[in-house]
Amino acid sequence: YDSISYDKGGITYLKGIFERGKAIVKFKEGGEAIALVKKYKRT
C-alpha cells in the first residue's frame, strides 16, 4: 500500500493492492471515509 497525506483538511489517501483486488480510500482520522474497490476476476 501507499499513502499520501494533505495538511489542509487532514485528508489522507490510501491505495492498497490485495490478492483479489485493489482499493483507493480517502479518509479523515476519526471521521468519514470513502473507498473505491475493484475486484479482480482471478487471484
PDB file of all heavy atoms in Angstrom:
ATOM      1  N   TYR A   1       0.831  -1.199   0.000  1.00  0.00           N
ATOM      2  CA  TYR A   1       0.000   0.000   0.000  1.00  0.00           C
ATOM      3  C   TYR A   1       0.866   1.251   0.000  1.00  0.00           C
ATOM      4  O   TYR A   1       2.038   1.213   0.376  1.00  0.00           O
ATOM      5  CB  TYR A   1      -0.973   0.003   1.171  1.00  0.00           C
ATOM      6  CG  TYR A   1      -0.410   0.525   2.473  1.00  0.00           C
ATOM      7  CD1 TYR A   1      -0.639   1.833   2.852  1.00  0.00           C
ATOM      8  CD2 TYR A   1       0.340  -0.279   3.317  1.00  0.00           C
ATOM      9  CE1 TYR A   1      -0.131   2.330   4.042  1.00  0.00           C
ATOM     10  CE2 TYR A   1       0.844   0.198   4.498  1.00  0.00           C
ATOM     11  CZ  TYR A   1       0.611   1.509   4.854  1.00  0.00           C
ATOM     12  OH  TYR A   1       1.118   1.994   6.020  1.00  0.00           O
ATOM     13  N   ASP A   2       0.273   2.347  -0.460  1.00  0.00           N
ATOM     14  CA  ASP A   2       0.904   3.668  -0.447  1.00  0.00           C
ATOM     15  C   ASP A   2      -0.059   4.633   0.225  1.00  0.00           C
ATOM     16  O   ASP A   2      -1.273   4.450   0.157  1.00  0.00           O
ATOM     17  CB  ASP A   2       1.177   4.168  -1.868  1.00  0.00           C
ATOM     18  CG  ASP A   2       2.217   3.329  -2.591  1.00  0.00           C
ATOM     19  OD1 ASP A   2       3.190   2.925  -1.938  1.00  0.00           O
ATOM     20  OD2 ASP A   2       2.045   3.099  -3.805  1.00  0.00           O
ATOM     21  N   SER A   3       0.491   5.673   0.837  1.00  0.00           N
ATOM     22  CA  SER A   3      -0.379   6.683   1.447  1.00  0.00           C
ATOM     23  C   SER A   3       0.148   8.077   1.154  1.00  0.00           C
ATOM     24  O   SER A   3       1.356   8.289   1.042  1.00  0.00           O
ATOM     25  CB  SER A   3      -0.494   6.475   2.959  1.00  0.00           C
ATOM     26  OG  SER A   3       0.681   6.867   3.600  1.00  0.00           O
ATOM     27  N   ILE A   4      -0.780   9.003   1.006  1.00  0.00           N
ATOM     28  CA  ILE A   4      -0.466  10.417   0.795  1.00  0.00           C
ATOM     29  C   ILE A   4      -1.335  11.213   1.755  1.00  0.00           C
ATOM     30  O   ILE A   4      -2.546  11.029   1.789  1.00  0.00           O
ATOM     31  CB  ILE A   4      -0.766  10.847  -0.658  1.00  0.00           C
ATOM     32  CG1 ILE A   4       0.076  10.049  -1.637  1.00  0.00           C
ATOM     33  CG2 ILE A   4      -0.516  12.330  -0.835  1.00  0.00           C
ATOM     34  CD1 ILE A   4      -0.291  10.271  -3.077  1.00  0.00           C
ATOM     35  N   SER A   5      -0.715  12.094   2.524  1.00  0.00           N
ATOM     36  CA  SER A   5      -1.448  12.929   3.476  1.00  0.00           C
ATOM     37  C   SER A   5      -1.361  14.390   3.068  1.00  0.00           C
ATOM     38  O   SER A   5      -0.311  14.853   2.623  1.00  0.00           O
ATOM     39  CB  SER A   5      -0.871  12.781   4.880  1.00  0.00           C
ATOM     40  OG  SER A   5      -1.013  11.473   5.335  1.00  0.00           O
ATOM     41  N   TYR A   6      -2.470  15.089   3.218  1.00  0.00           N
ATOM     42  CA  TYR A   6      -2.521  16.514   2.952  1.00  0.00           C
ATOM     43  C   TYR A   6      -2.826  17.232   4.256  1.00  0.00           C
ATOM     44  O   TYR A   6      -3.764  16.887   4.954  1.00  0.00           O
ATOM     45  CB  TYR A   6      -3.599  16.836   1.914  1.00  0.00           C
ATOM     46  CG  TYR A   6      -3.273  16.297   0.548  1.00  0.00           C
ATOM     47  CD1 TYR A   6      -3.885  15.139   0.082  1.00  0.00           C
ATOM     48  CD2 TYR A   6      -2.351  16.927  -0.260  1.00  0.00           C
ATOM     49  CE1 TYR A   6      -3.579  14.638  -1.172  1.00  0.00           C
ATOM     50  CE2 TYR A   6      -2.044  16.436  -1.511  1.00  0.00           C
ATOM     51  CZ  TYR A   6      -2.659  15.291  -1.964  1.00  0.00           C
ATOM     52  OH  TYR A   6      -2.349  14.786  -3.190  1.00  0.00           O
ATOM     53  N   ASP A   7      -2.028  18.251   4.590  1.00  0.00           N
ATOM     54  CA  ASP A   7      -2.229  19.009   5.816  1.00  0.00           C
ATOM     55  C   ASP A   7      -3.535  19.784   5.794  1.00  0.00           C
ATOM     56  O   ASP A   7      -4.215  19.925   6.793  1.00  0.00           O
ATOM     57  CB  ASP A   7      -1.065  19.969   6.059  1.00  0.00           C
ATOM     58  CG  ASP A   7       0.211  19.233   6.387  1.00  0.00           C
ATOM     59  OD1 ASP A   7       0.121  18.114   6.926  1.00  0.00           O
ATOM     60  OD2 ASP A   7       1.298  19.768   6.103  1.00  0.00           O
ATOM     61  N   LYS A   8      -3.899  20.288   4.633  1.00  0.00           N
ATOM     62  CA  LYS A   8      -5.120  21.074   4.511  1.00  0.00           C
ATOM     63  C   LYS A   8      -6.329  20.150   4.647  1.00  0.00           C
ATOM     64  O   LYS A   8      -6.580  19.302   3.799  1.00  0.00           O
ATOM     65  CB  LYS A   8      -5.158  21.784   3.161  1.00  0.00           C
ATOM     66  CG  LYS A   8      -6.297  22.748   3.019  1.00  0.00           C
ATOM     67  CD  LYS A   8      -6.216  23.489   1.701  1.00  0.00           C
ATOM     68  CE  LYS A   8      -7.344  24.477   1.595  1.00  0.00           C
ATOM     69  NZ  LYS A   8      -7.298  25.199   0.330  1.00  0.00           N
ATOM     70  N   GLY A   9      -7.042  20.277   5.739  1.00  0.00           N
ATOM     71  CA  GLY A   9      -8.223  19.460   5.969  1.00  0.00           C
ATOM     72  C   GLY A   9      -7.938  18.111   6.607  1.00  0.00           C
ATOM     73  O   GLY A   9      -8.851  17.388   6.956  1.00  0.00           O
ATOM     74  N   GLY A  10      -6.684  17.726   6.756  1.00  0.00           N
ATOM     75  CA  GLY A  10      -6.332  16.457   7.385  1.00  0.00           C
ATOM     76  C   GLY A  10      -6.797  15.235   6.610  1.00  0.00           C
ATOM     77  O   GLY A  10      -7.128  14.209   7.188  1.00  0.00           O
ATOM     78  N   ILE A  11      -6.805  15.324   5.288  1.00  0.00           N
ATOM     79  CA  ILE A  11      -7.278  14.224   4.452  1.00  0.00           C
ATOM     80  C   ILE A  11      -6.106  13.335   4.046  1.00  0.00           C
ATOM     81  O   ILE A  11      -5.035  13.823   3.701  1.00  0.00           O
ATOM     82  CB  ILE A  11      -7.995  14.766   3.199  1.00  0.00           C
ATOM     83  CG1 ILE A  11      -9.252  15.520   3.626  1.00  0.00           C
ATOM     84  CG2 ILE A  11      -8.344  13.650   2.230  1.00  0.00           C
ATOM     85  CD1 ILE A  11      -9.948  16.244   2.504  1.00  0.00           C
ATOM     86  N   THR A  12      -6.319  12.028   4.087  1.00  0.00           N
ATOM     87  CA  THR A  12      -5.311  11.050   3.696  1.00  0.00           C
ATOM     88  C   THR A  12      -5.881  10.138   2.619  1.00  0.00           C
ATOM     89  O   THR A  12      -7.033   9.731   2.691  1.00  0.00           O
ATOM     90  CB  THR A  12      -4.879  10.204   4.909  1.00  0.00           C
ATOM     91  OG1 THR A  12      -4.419  11.074   5.944  1.00  0.00           O
ATOM     92  CG2 THR A  12      -3.784   9.229   4.553  1.00  0.00           C
ATOM     93  N   TYR A  13      -5.053   9.823   1.632  1.00  0.00           N
ATOM     94  CA  TYR A  13      -5.422   8.884   0.576  1.00  0.00           C
ATOM     95  C   TYR A  13      -4.585   7.621   0.726  1.00  0.00           C
ATOM     96  O   TYR A  13      -3.380   7.703   0.934  1.00  0.00           O
ATOM     97  CB  TYR A  13      -5.156   9.489  -0.806  1.00  0.00           C
ATOM     98  CG  TYR A  13      -6.075  10.614  -1.181  1.00  0.00           C
ATOM     99  CD1 TYR A  13      -5.764  11.925  -0.852  1.00  0.00           C
ATOM    100  CD2 TYR A  13      -7.253  10.373  -1.864  1.00  0.00           C
ATOM    101  CE1 TYR A  13      -6.608  12.966  -1.198  1.00  0.00           C
ATOM    102  CE2 TYR A  13      -8.107  11.406  -2.212  1.00  0.00           C
ATOM    103  CZ  TYR A  13      -7.775  12.693  -1.879  1.00  0.00           C
ATOM    104  OH  TYR A  13      -8.615  13.721  -2.223  1.00  0.00           O
ATOM    105  N   LEU A  14      -5.221   6.471   0.607  1.00  0.00           N
ATOM    106  CA  LEU A  14      -4.531   5.183   0.646  1.00  0.00           C
ATOM    107  C   LEU A  14      -4.832   4.418  -0.633  1.00  0.00           C
ATOM    108  O   LEU A  14      -5.961   4.443  -1.116  1.00  0.00           O
ATOM    109  CB  LEU A  14      -5.016   4.335   1.826  1.00  0.00           C
ATOM    110  CG  LEU A  14      -4.857   4.885   3.226  1.00  0.00           C
ATOM    111  CD1 LEU A  14      -5.522   3.947   4.218  1.00  0.00           C
ATOM    112  CD2 LEU A  14      -3.398   5.039   3.558  1.00  0.00           C
ATOM    113  N   LYS A  15      -3.831   3.750  -1.157  1.00  0.00           N
ATOM    114  CA  LYS A  15      -4.029   2.858  -2.301  1.00  0.00           C
ATOM    115  C   LYS A  15      -3.487   1.499  -1.894  1.00  0.00           C
ATOM    116  O   LYS A  15      -2.293   1.357  -1.634  1.00  0.00           O
ATOM    117  CB  LYS A  15      -3.299   3.381  -3.532  1.00  0.00           C
ATOM    118  CG  LYS A  15      -3.503   2.502  -4.741  1.00  0.00           C
ATOM    119  CD  LYS A  15      -2.814   3.083  -5.959  1.00  0.00           C
ATOM    120  CE  LYS A  15      -3.051   2.188  -7.160  1.00  0.00           C
ATOM    121  NZ  LYS A  15      -2.349   2.686  -8.339  1.00  0.00           N
ATOM    122  N   GLY A  16      -4.363   0.516  -1.803  1.00  0.00           N
ATOM    123  CA  GLY A  16      -3.966  -0.818  -1.370  1.00  0.00           C
ATOM    124  C   GLY A  16      -4.133  -1.843  -2.478  1.00  0.00           C
ATOM    125  O   GLY A  16      -5.126  -1.826  -3.198  1.00  0.00           O
ATOM    126  N   ILE A  17      -3.148  -2.729  -2.605  1.00  0.00           N
ATOM    127  CA  ILE A  17      -3.199  -3.836  -3.558  1.00  0.00           C
ATOM    128  C   ILE A  17      -3.360  -5.111  -2.740  1.00  0.00           C
ATOM    129  O   ILE A  17      -2.572  -5.392  -1.841  1.00  0.00           O
ATOM    130  CB  ILE A  17      -1.902  -3.914  -4.394  1.00  0.00           C
ATOM    131  CG1 ILE A  17      -1.593  -2.576  -5.059  1.00  0.00           C
ATOM    132  CG2 ILE A  17      -1.982  -5.045  -5.418  1.00  0.00           C
ATOM    133  CD1 ILE A  17      -2.573  -2.123  -6.097  1.00  0.00           C
ATOM    134  N   PHE A  18      -4.384  -5.886  -3.067  1.00  0.00           N
ATOM    135  CA  PHE A  18      -4.705  -7.118  -2.353  1.00  0.00           C
ATOM    136  C   PHE A  18      -4.587  -8.313  -3.296  1.00  0.00           C
ATOM    137  O   PHE A  18      -4.399  -8.140  -4.497  1.00  0.00           O
ATOM    138  CB  PHE A  18      -6.138  -7.056  -1.799  1.00  0.00           C
ATOM    139  CG  PHE A  18      -6.378  -5.909  -0.878  1.00  0.00           C
ATOM    140  CD1 PHE A  18      -6.832  -4.690  -1.357  1.00  0.00           C
ATOM    141  CD2 PHE A  18      -6.144  -6.038   0.479  1.00  0.00           C
ATOM    142  CE1 PHE A  18      -7.059  -3.620  -0.509  1.00  0.00           C
ATOM    143  CE2 PHE A  18      -6.361  -4.974   1.339  1.00  0.00           C
ATOM    144  CZ  PHE A  18      -6.819  -3.759   0.845  1.00  0.00           C
ATOM    145  N   GLU A  19      -4.740  -9.514  -2.756  1.00  0.00           N
ATOM    146  CA  GLU A  19      -4.695 -10.721  -3.579  1.00  0.00           C
ATOM    147  C   GLU A  19      -5.818 -10.757  -4.605  1.00  0.00           C
ATOM    148  O   GLU A  19      -5.622 -11.230  -5.718  1.00  0.00           O
ATOM    149  CB  GLU A  19      -4.805 -11.970  -2.702  1.00  0.00           C
ATOM    150  CG  GLU A  19      -3.599 -12.242  -1.860  1.00  0.00           C
ATOM    151  CD  GLU A  19      -3.786 -13.438  -0.958  1.00  0.00           C
ATOM    152  OE1 GLU A  19      -4.923 -13.723  -0.561  1.00  0.00           O
ATOM    153  OE2 GLU A  19      -2.773 -14.088  -0.667  1.00  0.00           O
ATOM    154  N   ARG A  20      -6.992 -10.275  -4.253  1.00  0.00           N
ATOM    155  CA  ARG A  20      -8.155 -10.380  -5.134  1.00  0.00           C
ATOM    156  C   ARG A  20      -8.706  -9.034  -5.597  1.00  0.00           C
ATOM    157  O   ARG A  20      -9.851  -8.966  -6.024  1.00  0.00           O
ATOM    158  CB  ARG A  20      -9.257 -11.164  -4.430  1.00  0.00           C
ATOM    159  CG  ARG A  20      -8.877 -12.581  -4.154  1.00  0.00           C
ATOM    160  CD  ARG A  20     -10.015 -13.344  -3.500  1.00  0.00           C
ATOM    161  NE  ARG A  20      -9.502 -14.548  -2.904  1.00  0.00           N
ATOM    162  CZ  ARG A  20      -9.235 -14.707  -1.622  1.00  0.00           C
ATOM    163  NH1 ARG A  20      -9.454 -13.733  -0.784  1.00  0.00           N
ATOM    164  NH2 ARG A  20      -8.758 -15.838  -1.172  1.00  0.00           N
ATOM    165  N   GLY A  21      -7.910  -7.973  -5.496  1.00  0.00           N
ATOM    166  CA  GLY A  21      -8.402  -6.681  -5.952  1.00  0.00           C
ATOM    167  C   GLY A  21      -7.564  -5.528  -5.446  1.00  0.00           C
ATOM    168  O   GLY A  21      -6.475  -5.717  -4.920  1.00  0.00           O
ATOM    169  N   LYS A  22      -8.107  -4.319  -5.613  1.00  0.00           N
ATOM    170  CA  LYS A  22      -7.418  -3.129  -5.130  1.00  0.00           C
ATOM    171  C   LYS A  22      -8.443  -2.134  -4.615  1.00  0.00           C
ATOM    172  O   LYS A  22      -9.627  -2.212  -4.955  1.00  0.00           O
ATOM    173  CB  LYS A  22      -6.564  -2.503  -6.233  1.00  0.00           C
ATOM    174  CG  LYS A  22      -7.323  -2.054  -7.450  1.00  0.00           C
ATOM    175  CD  LYS A  22      -6.359  -1.538  -8.508  1.00  0.00           C
ATOM    176  CE  LYS A  22      -7.082  -1.186  -9.783  1.00  0.00           C
ATOM    177  NZ  LYS A  22      -6.182  -0.686 -10.806  1.00  0.00           N
ATOM    178  N   ALA A  23      -7.980  -1.205  -3.791  1.00  0.00           N
ATOM    179  CA  ALA A  23      -8.872  -0.212  -3.199  1.00  0.00           C
ATOM    180  C   ALA A  23      -8.153   1.120  -3.070  1.00  0.00           C
ATOM    181  O   ALA A  23      -6.962   1.164  -2.766  1.00  0.00           O
ATOM    182  CB  ALA A  23      -9.347  -0.676  -1.831  1.00  0.00           C
ATOM    183  N   ILE A  24      -8.892   2.181  -3.313  1.00  0.00           N
ATOM    184  CA  ILE A  24      -8.413   3.535  -3.065  1.00  0.00           C
ATOM    185  C   ILE A  24      -9.335   4.123  -1.998  1.00  0.00           C
ATOM    186  O   ILE A  24     -10.552   4.128  -2.169  1.00  0.00           O
ATOM    187  CB  ILE A  24      -8.456   4.383  -4.342  1.00  0.00           C
ATOM    188  CG1 ILE A  24      -7.540   3.778  -5.405  1.00  0.00           C
ATOM    189  CG2 ILE A  24      -8.048   5.828  -4.036  1.00  0.00           C
ATOM    190  CD1 ILE A  24      -7.647   4.433  -6.748  1.00  0.00           C
ATOM    191  N   VAL A  25      -8.747   4.589  -0.905  1.00  0.00           N
ATOM    192  CA  VAL A  25      -9.523   5.077   0.238  1.00  0.00           C
ATOM    193  C   VAL A  25      -9.154   6.531   0.519  1.00  0.00           C
ATOM    194  O   VAL A  25      -7.982   6.886   0.561  1.00  0.00           O
ATOM    195  CB  VAL A  25      -9.247   4.221   1.504  1.00  0.00           C
ATOM    196  CG1 VAL A  25     -10.085   4.716   2.675  1.00  0.00           C
ATOM    197  CG2 VAL A  25      -9.501   2.752   1.243  1.00  0.00           C
ATOM    198  N   LYS A  26     -10.161   7.358   0.704  1.00  0.00           N
ATOM    199  CA  LYS A  26      -9.976   8.758   1.106  1.00  0.00           C
ATOM    200  C   LYS A  26     -10.636   8.887   2.472  1.00  0.00           C
ATOM    201  O   LYS A  26     -11.807   8.557   2.622  1.00  0.00           O
ATOM    202  CB  LYS A  26     -10.646   9.683   0.101  1.00  0.00           C
ATOM    203  CG  LYS A  26     -10.595  11.141   0.472  1.00  0.00           C
ATOM    204  CD  LYS A  26     -11.345  11.971  -0.548  1.00  0.00           C
ATOM    205  CE  LYS A  26     -11.421  13.414  -0.140  1.00  0.00           C
ATOM    206  NZ  LYS A  26     -12.217  14.208  -1.092  1.00  0.00           N
ATOM    207  N   PHE A  27      -9.875   9.346   3.471  1.00  0.00           N
ATOM    208  CA  PHE A  27     -10.453   9.418   4.813  1.00  0.00           C
ATOM    209  C   PHE A  27      -9.876  10.565   5.618  1.00  0.00           C
ATOM    210  O   PHE A  27      -8.847  11.135   5.284  1.00  0.00           O
ATOM    211  CB  PHE A  27     -10.249   8.100   5.555  1.00  0.00           C
ATOM    212  CG  PHE A  27      -8.834   7.856   6.007  1.00  0.00           C
ATOM    213  CD1 PHE A  27      -8.435   8.208   7.287  1.00  0.00           C
ATOM    214  CD2 PHE A  27      -7.920   7.266   5.161  1.00  0.00           C
ATOM    215  CE1 PHE A  27      -7.141   7.981   7.711  1.00  0.00           C
ATOM    216  CE2 PHE A  27      -6.621   7.037   5.576  1.00  0.00           C
ATOM    217  CZ  PHE A  27      -6.225   7.392   6.838  1.00  0.00           C
ATOM    218  N   LYS A  28     -10.585  10.858   6.696  1.00  0.00           N
ATOM    219  CA  LYS A  28     -10.165  11.829   7.695  1.00  0.00           C
ATOM    220  C   LYS A  28     -10.168  11.078   9.021  1.00  0.00           C
ATOM    221  O   LYS A  28     -11.132  10.365   9.324  1.00  0.00           O
ATOM    222  CB  LYS A  28     -11.151  12.989   7.727  1.00  0.00           C
ATOM    223  CG  LYS A  28     -10.677  14.189   8.435  1.00  0.00           C
ATOM    224  CD  LYS A  28     -11.652  15.326   8.211  1.00  0.00           C
ATOM    225  CE  LYS A  28     -11.036  16.624   8.650  1.00  0.00           C
ATOM    226  NZ  LYS A  28     -11.925  17.738   8.429  1.00  0.00           N
ATOM    227  N   GLU A  29      -9.098  11.194   9.806  1.00  0.00           N
ATOM    228  CA  GLU A  29      -8.997  10.448  11.057  1.00  0.00           C
ATOM    229  C   GLU A  29     -10.183  10.718  11.968  1.00  0.00           C
ATOM    230  O   GLU A  29     -10.503  11.862  12.261  1.00  0.00           O
ATOM    231  CB  GLU A  29      -7.702  10.799  11.790  1.00  0.00           C
ATOM    232  CG  GLU A  29      -6.486  10.235  11.130  1.00  0.00           C
ATOM    233  CD  GLU A  29      -5.228  10.514  11.905  1.00  0.00           C
ATOM    234  OE1 GLU A  29      -5.307  10.852  13.100  1.00  0.00           O
ATOM    235  OE2 GLU A  29      -4.154  10.400  11.312  1.00  0.00           O
ATOM    236  N   GLY A  30     -10.851   9.658  12.403  1.00  0.00           N
ATOM    237  CA  GLY A  30     -11.993   9.779  13.288  1.00  0.00           C
ATOM    238  C   GLY A  30     -13.222  10.351  12.601  1.00  0.00           C
ATOM    239  O   GLY A  30     -14.132  10.842  13.262  1.00  0.00           O
ATOM    240  N   GLY A  31     -13.258  10.279  11.280  1.00  0.00           N
ATOM    241  CA  GLY A  31     -14.380  10.844  10.538  1.00  0.00           C
ATOM    242  C   GLY A  31     -14.862   9.909   9.440  1.00  0.00           C
ATOM    243  O   GLY A  31     -14.763   8.699   9.549  1.00  0.00           O
ATOM    244  N   GLU A  32     -15.367  10.501   8.384  1.00  0.00           N
ATOM    245  CA  GLU A  32     -15.908   9.717   7.289  1.00  0.00           C
ATOM    246  C   GLU A  32     -14.810   9.255   6.344  1.00  0.00           C
ATOM    247  O   GLU A  32     -13.773   9.895   6.213  1.00  0.00           O
ATOM    248  CB  GLU A  32     -16.921  10.537   6.499  1.00  0.00           C
ATOM    249  CG  GLU A  32     -18.138  10.919   7.298  1.00  0.00           C
ATOM    250  CD  GLU A  32     -19.075  11.825   6.520  1.00  0.00           C
ATOM    251  OE1 GLU A  32     -18.661  12.401   5.503  1.00  0.00           O
ATOM    252  OE2 GLU A  32     -20.222  11.956   6.950  1.00  0.00           O
ATOM    253  N   ALA A  33     -15.082   8.139   5.665  1.00  0.00           N
ATOM    254  CA  ALA A  33     -14.161   7.604   4.671  1.00  0.00           C
ATOM    255  C   ALA A  33     -14.959   7.080   3.491  1.00  0.00           C
ATOM    256  O   ALA A  33     -16.109   6.667   3.647  1.00  0.00           O
ATOM    257  CB  ALA A  33     -13.332   6.484   5.272  1.00  0.00           C
ATOM    258  N   ILE A  34     -14.335   7.108   2.325  1.00  0.00           N
ATOM    259  CA  ILE A  34     -14.951   6.559   1.133  1.00  0.00           C
ATOM    260  C   ILE A  34     -13.902   5.705   0.422  1.00  0.00           C
ATOM    261  O   ILE A  34     -12.741   6.094   0.325  1.00  0.00           O
ATOM    262  CB  ILE A  34     -15.511   7.664   0.211  1.00  0.00           C
ATOM    263  CG1 ILE A  34     -16.269   7.055  -0.955  1.00  0.00           C
ATOM    264  CG2 ILE A  34     -14.429   8.595  -0.256  1.00  0.00           C
ATOM    265  CD1 ILE A  34     -17.112   8.042  -1.720  1.00  0.00           C
ATOM    266  N   ALA A  35     -14.316   4.530  -0.035  1.00  0.00           N
ATOM    267  CA  ALA A  35     -13.400   3.617  -0.712  1.00  0.00           C
ATOM    268  C   ALA A  35     -13.968   3.238  -2.070  1.00  0.00           C
ATOM    269  O   ALA A  35     -15.158   2.956  -2.200  1.00  0.00           O
ATOM    270  CB  ALA A  35     -13.189   2.365   0.130  1.00  0.00           C
ATOM    271  N   LEU A  36     -13.104   3.235  -3.061  1.00  0.00           N
ATOM    272  CA  LEU A  36     -13.438   2.731  -4.385  1.00  0.00           C
ATOM    273  C   LEU A  36     -12.728   1.390  -4.516  1.00  0.00           C
ATOM    274  O   LEU A  36     -11.504   1.320  -4.432  1.00  0.00           O
ATOM    275  CB  LEU A  36     -12.968   3.701  -5.472  1.00  0.00           C
ATOM    276  CG  LEU A  36     -13.212   3.276  -6.906  1.00  0.00           C
ATOM    277  CD1 LEU A  36     -14.710   3.159  -7.187  1.00  0.00           C
ATOM    278  CD2 LEU A  36     -12.575   4.264  -7.867  1.00  0.00           C
ATOM    279  N   VAL A  37     -13.510   0.318  -4.691  1.00  0.00           N
ATOM    280  CA  VAL A  37     -12.972  -1.041  -4.668  1.00  0.00           C
ATOM    281  C   VAL A  37     -13.157  -1.695  -6.032  1.00  0.00           C
ATOM    282  O   VAL A  37     -14.236  -1.623  -6.613  1.00  0.00           O
ATOM    283  CB  VAL A  37     -13.680  -1.886  -3.581  1.00  0.00           C
ATOM    284  CG1 VAL A  37     -13.145  -3.309  -3.564  1.00  0.00           C
ATOM    285  CG2 VAL A  37     -13.524  -1.234  -2.222  1.00  0.00           C
ATOM    286  N   LYS A  38     -12.100  -2.356  -6.522  1.00  0.00           N
ATOM    287  CA  LYS A  38     -12.180  -3.110  -7.763  1.00  0.00           C
ATOM    288  C   LYS A  38     -11.682  -4.519  -7.491  1.00  0.00           C
ATOM    289  O   LYS A  38     -10.556  -4.705  -7.055  1.00  0.00           O
ATOM    290  CB  LYS A  38     -11.331  -2.472  -8.858  1.00  0.00           C
ATOM    291  CG  LYS A  38     -11.383  -3.252 -10.160  1.00  0.00           C
ATOM    292  CD  LYS A  38     -10.742  -2.493 -11.271  1.00  0.00           C
ATOM    293  CE  LYS A  38     -10.704  -3.114 -12.613  1.00  0.00           C
ATOM    294  NZ  LYS A  38     -11.344  -4.284 -12.955  1.00  0.00           N
ATOM    295  N   LYS A  39     -12.526  -5.510  -7.741  1.00  0.00           N
ATOM    296  CA  LYS A  39     -12.149  -6.906  -7.554  1.00  0.00           C
ATOM    297  C   LYS A  39     -11.625  -7.471  -8.860  1.00  0.00           C
ATOM    298  O   LYS A  39     -12.126  -7.150  -9.930  1.00  0.00           O
ATOM    299  CB  LYS A  39     -13.346  -7.731  -7.083  1.00  0.00           C
ATOM    300  CG  LYS A  39     -13.725  -7.438  -5.645  1.00  0.00           C
ATOM    301  CD  LYS A  39     -14.763  -8.392  -5.142  1.00  0.00           C
ATOM    302  CE  LYS A  39     -14.108  -9.693  -4.763  1.00  0.00           C
ATOM    303  NZ  LYS A  39     -14.992 -10.617  -4.081  1.00  0.00           N
ATOM    304  N   TYR A  40     -10.583  -8.310  -8.747  1.00  0.00           N
ATOM    305  CA  TYR A  40     -10.038  -8.986  -9.914  1.00  0.00           C
ATOM    306  C   TYR A  40     -10.861 -10.229 -10.206  1.00  0.00           C
ATOM    307  O   TYR A  40     -11.453 -10.813  -9.302  1.00  0.00           O
ATOM    308  CB  TYR A  40      -8.594  -9.410  -9.676  1.00  0.00           C
ATOM    309  CG  TYR A  40      -7.632  -8.289  -9.402  1.00  0.00           C
ATOM    310  CD1 TYR A  40      -6.625  -8.436  -8.471  1.00  0.00           C
ATOM    311  CD2 TYR A  40      -7.717  -7.080 -10.081  1.00  0.00           C
ATOM    312  CE1 TYR A  40      -5.722  -7.427  -8.223  1.00  0.00           C
ATOM    313  CE2 TYR A  40      -6.821  -6.066  -9.833  1.00  0.00           C
ATOM    314  CZ  TYR A  40      -5.823  -6.247  -8.907  1.00  0.00           C
ATOM    315  OH  TYR A  40      -4.938  -5.238  -8.651  1.00  0.00           O
ATOM    316  N   LYS A  41     -10.846 -10.653 -11.460  1.00  0.00           N
ATOM    317  CA  LYS A  41     -11.532 -11.895 -11.824  1.00  0.00           C
ATOM    318  C   LYS A  41     -10.729 -13.098 -11.362  1.00  0.00           C
ATOM    319  O   LYS A  41     -11.280 -14.130 -11.046  1.00  0.00           O
ATOM    320  CB  LYS A  41     -11.757 -11.949 -13.333  1.00  0.00           C
ATOM    321  CG  LYS A  41     -12.747 -10.905 -13.805  1.00  0.00           C
ATOM    322  CD  LYS A  41     -12.967 -10.989 -15.280  1.00  0.00           C
ATOM    323  CE  LYS A  41     -13.931  -9.891 -15.704  1.00  0.00           C
ATOM    324  NZ  LYS A  41     -14.157  -9.876 -17.129  1.00  0.00           N
ATOM    325  N   ARG A  42      -9.408 -12.954 -11.326  1.00  0.00           N
ATOM    326  CA  ARG A  42      -8.527 -14.028 -10.876  1.00  0.00           C
ATOM    327  C   ARG A  42      -7.765 -13.586  -9.635  1.00  0.00           C
ATOM    328  O   ARG A  42      -7.582 -12.402  -9.401  1.00  0.00           O
ATOM    329  CB  ARG A  42      -7.520 -14.377 -11.955  1.00  0.00           C
ATOM    330  CG  ARG A  42      -8.135 -14.962 -13.173  1.00  0.00           C
ATOM    331  CD  ARG A  42      -7.048 -15.277 -14.136  1.00  0.00           C
ATOM    332  NE  ARG A  42      -7.419 -16.442 -14.903  1.00  0.00           N
ATOM    333  CZ  ARG A  42      -6.655 -16.988 -15.804  1.00  0.00           C
ATOM    334  NH1 ARG A  42      -5.461 -16.481 -16.043  1.00  0.00           N
ATOM    335  NH2 ARG A  42      -7.049 -18.043 -16.476  1.00  0.00           N
ATOM    336  N   THR A  43      -7.282 -14.537  -8.886  1.00  0.00           N
ATOM    337  CA  THR A  43      -6.489 -14.239  -7.695  1.00  0.00           C
ATOM    338  C   THR A  43      -5.078 -13.874  -8.108  1.00  0.00           C
ATOM    339  O   THR A  43      -4.462 -14.551  -8.922  1.00  0.00           O
ATOM    340  CB  THR A  43      -6.458 -15.455  -6.747  1.00  0.00           C
ATOM    341  OG1 THR A  43      -7.786 -15.770  -6.394  1.00  0.00           O
ATOM    342  CG2 THR A  43      -5.656 -15.157  -5.503  1.00  0.00           C
TER     343      THR A  43
END
